[in-house]
Protein backbone atom coordinates (compact mmCIF):
# COMPACT_ATOMS: atom_id res chain seq x y z
CA MET A 1 91.23 196.82 56.08
CA LYS A 2 90.69 197.89 52.51
CA GLU A 3 91.99 201.05 50.87
CA LEU A 4 89.25 203.45 49.89
CA LEU A 5 91.26 206.44 48.73
CA ARG A 6 94.85 207.63 48.34
CA THR A 7 95.48 211.39 48.25
CA ASN A 8 97.76 214.23 49.34
CA ASP A 9 94.81 216.45 50.29
CA ALA A 10 94.72 216.53 54.12
CA VAL A 11 91.49 218.53 54.17
CA LEU A 12 89.70 216.00 51.95
CA LEU A 13 90.93 213.14 54.15
CA SER A 14 89.70 214.90 57.28
CA TRP A 15 86.30 215.63 55.75
CA LEU A 16 85.82 212.09 54.42
CA THR A 17 86.88 210.59 57.77
CA ALA A 18 84.27 212.74 59.54
CA LEU A 19 81.63 211.82 56.92
CA LEU A 20 82.27 208.11 57.37
CA GLN A 21 82.40 208.29 61.17
CA ASP A 22 79.09 210.19 61.22
CA SER A 23 77.61 207.26 59.30
CA GLY A 24 78.99 204.76 61.79
CA ILE A 25 81.89 203.54 59.66
CA GLU A 26 85.31 203.27 61.30
CA ALA A 27 87.89 204.90 59.02
CA SER A 28 91.64 205.21 59.49
CA VAL A 29 94.28 207.32 57.76
CA LEU A 30 97.49 205.44 57.06
CA ASP A 31 100.89 206.95 56.21
CA ALA A 32 100.19 210.23 58.02
CA HIS A 33 103.39 209.98 60.06
CA THR A 34 105.42 209.03 57.00
CA SER A 35 104.21 212.18 55.31
CA ILE A 36 105.34 214.24 58.33
CA ILE A 37 108.79 212.62 58.32
CA GLU A 38 109.35 213.54 54.68
CA GLY A 39 108.85 217.18 55.57
CA SER A 40 105.10 217.64 55.04
CA ILE A 41 105.63 218.73 51.45
CA GLY A 42 102.86 216.43 50.31
CA ALA A 43 104.99 214.12 48.18
CA LEU A 44 103.75 210.94 49.84
CA PRO A 45 100.02 210.30 49.64
CA ARG A 46 98.02 209.23 52.67
CA ARG A 47 95.59 206.32 52.51
CA LEU A 48 92.04 206.22 53.84
CA VAL A 49 91.08 202.66 54.78
CA VAL A 50 87.91 201.02 56.08
CA SER A 51 87.07 197.46 57.10
CA GLU A 52 86.21 195.06 54.31
CA ALA A 53 82.70 194.66 55.72
CA ASP A 54 82.06 198.43 55.43
CA TYR A 55 83.88 198.96 52.13
CA GLU A 56 80.88 198.98 49.76
CA GLU A 57 78.82 201.29 51.98
CA ALA A 58 81.80 203.63 52.48
CA ARG A 59 82.45 203.70 48.75
CA ARG A 60 78.80 204.56 48.08
CA LEU A 61 78.86 207.36 50.68
CA VAL A 62 82.01 208.91 49.24
CA GLU A 63 80.70 208.69 45.66
CA ASP A 64 77.33 210.16 46.67
CA SER A 65 79.00 213.05 48.49
CA GLY A 66 80.44 214.24 45.18
CA ALA A 67 83.79 215.03 46.80
CA VAL A 68 85.75 212.58 44.66
CA SER A 69 85.18 209.92 42.03
CA LEU A 70 86.71 206.70 43.33
CA ALA A 71 86.81 205.16 39.88
CA ALA A 72 89.58 207.60 38.91
CA THR A 73 91.66 207.40 42.09
CA LYS A 74 93.26 203.98 41.71
CA PRO A 75 94.41 202.72 38.31
CA GLU A 76 94.13 198.98 37.79
CA ARG A 77 97.35 197.16 36.90
CA SER A 78 97.65 193.56 35.87
CA ARG A 79 101.23 193.37 37.16
CA PRO A 80 103.66 195.69 38.94
CA PRO A 81 105.68 198.02 36.71
CA SER A 82 109.16 196.87 35.82
CA ALA A 83 112.26 198.94 36.46
CA TRP A 84 112.53 199.42 32.70
CA GLY A 85 109.28 201.36 32.76
CA TRP A 86 111.02 204.19 34.57
CA PHE A 87 113.84 204.41 32.04
CA PRO A 88 112.43 203.65 28.58
CA GLY A 89 115.60 204.78 26.79
CA LEU A 90 117.79 202.30 28.66
CA ARG A 91 115.89 199.28 27.42
CA ARG A 92 116.75 200.07 23.81
CA ARG A 93 120.30 200.98 24.66
CA TRP A 94 121.21 198.03 26.89
CA SER A 95 119.05 195.21 25.51
């Protein structure tokens, strides 16, 4: 499975899942139960995933629908952020 989209918008996820299933692409929403456990306040995003074989077609369908631009949904990182990234003032103080 490959992640196609990560969002807090339940309506968008539902619509995209229906769009993909109508085109014959199996799509799953991950982290839906985690979001419910945290109180359904929308703090934790849900992930829409498809099989790796269907990824390119699913990406094209979502882009062509105009609902969301997938290029802007997932920033590329060369490495995971360090703990210092969360507290920039501490690095200067404690280094």
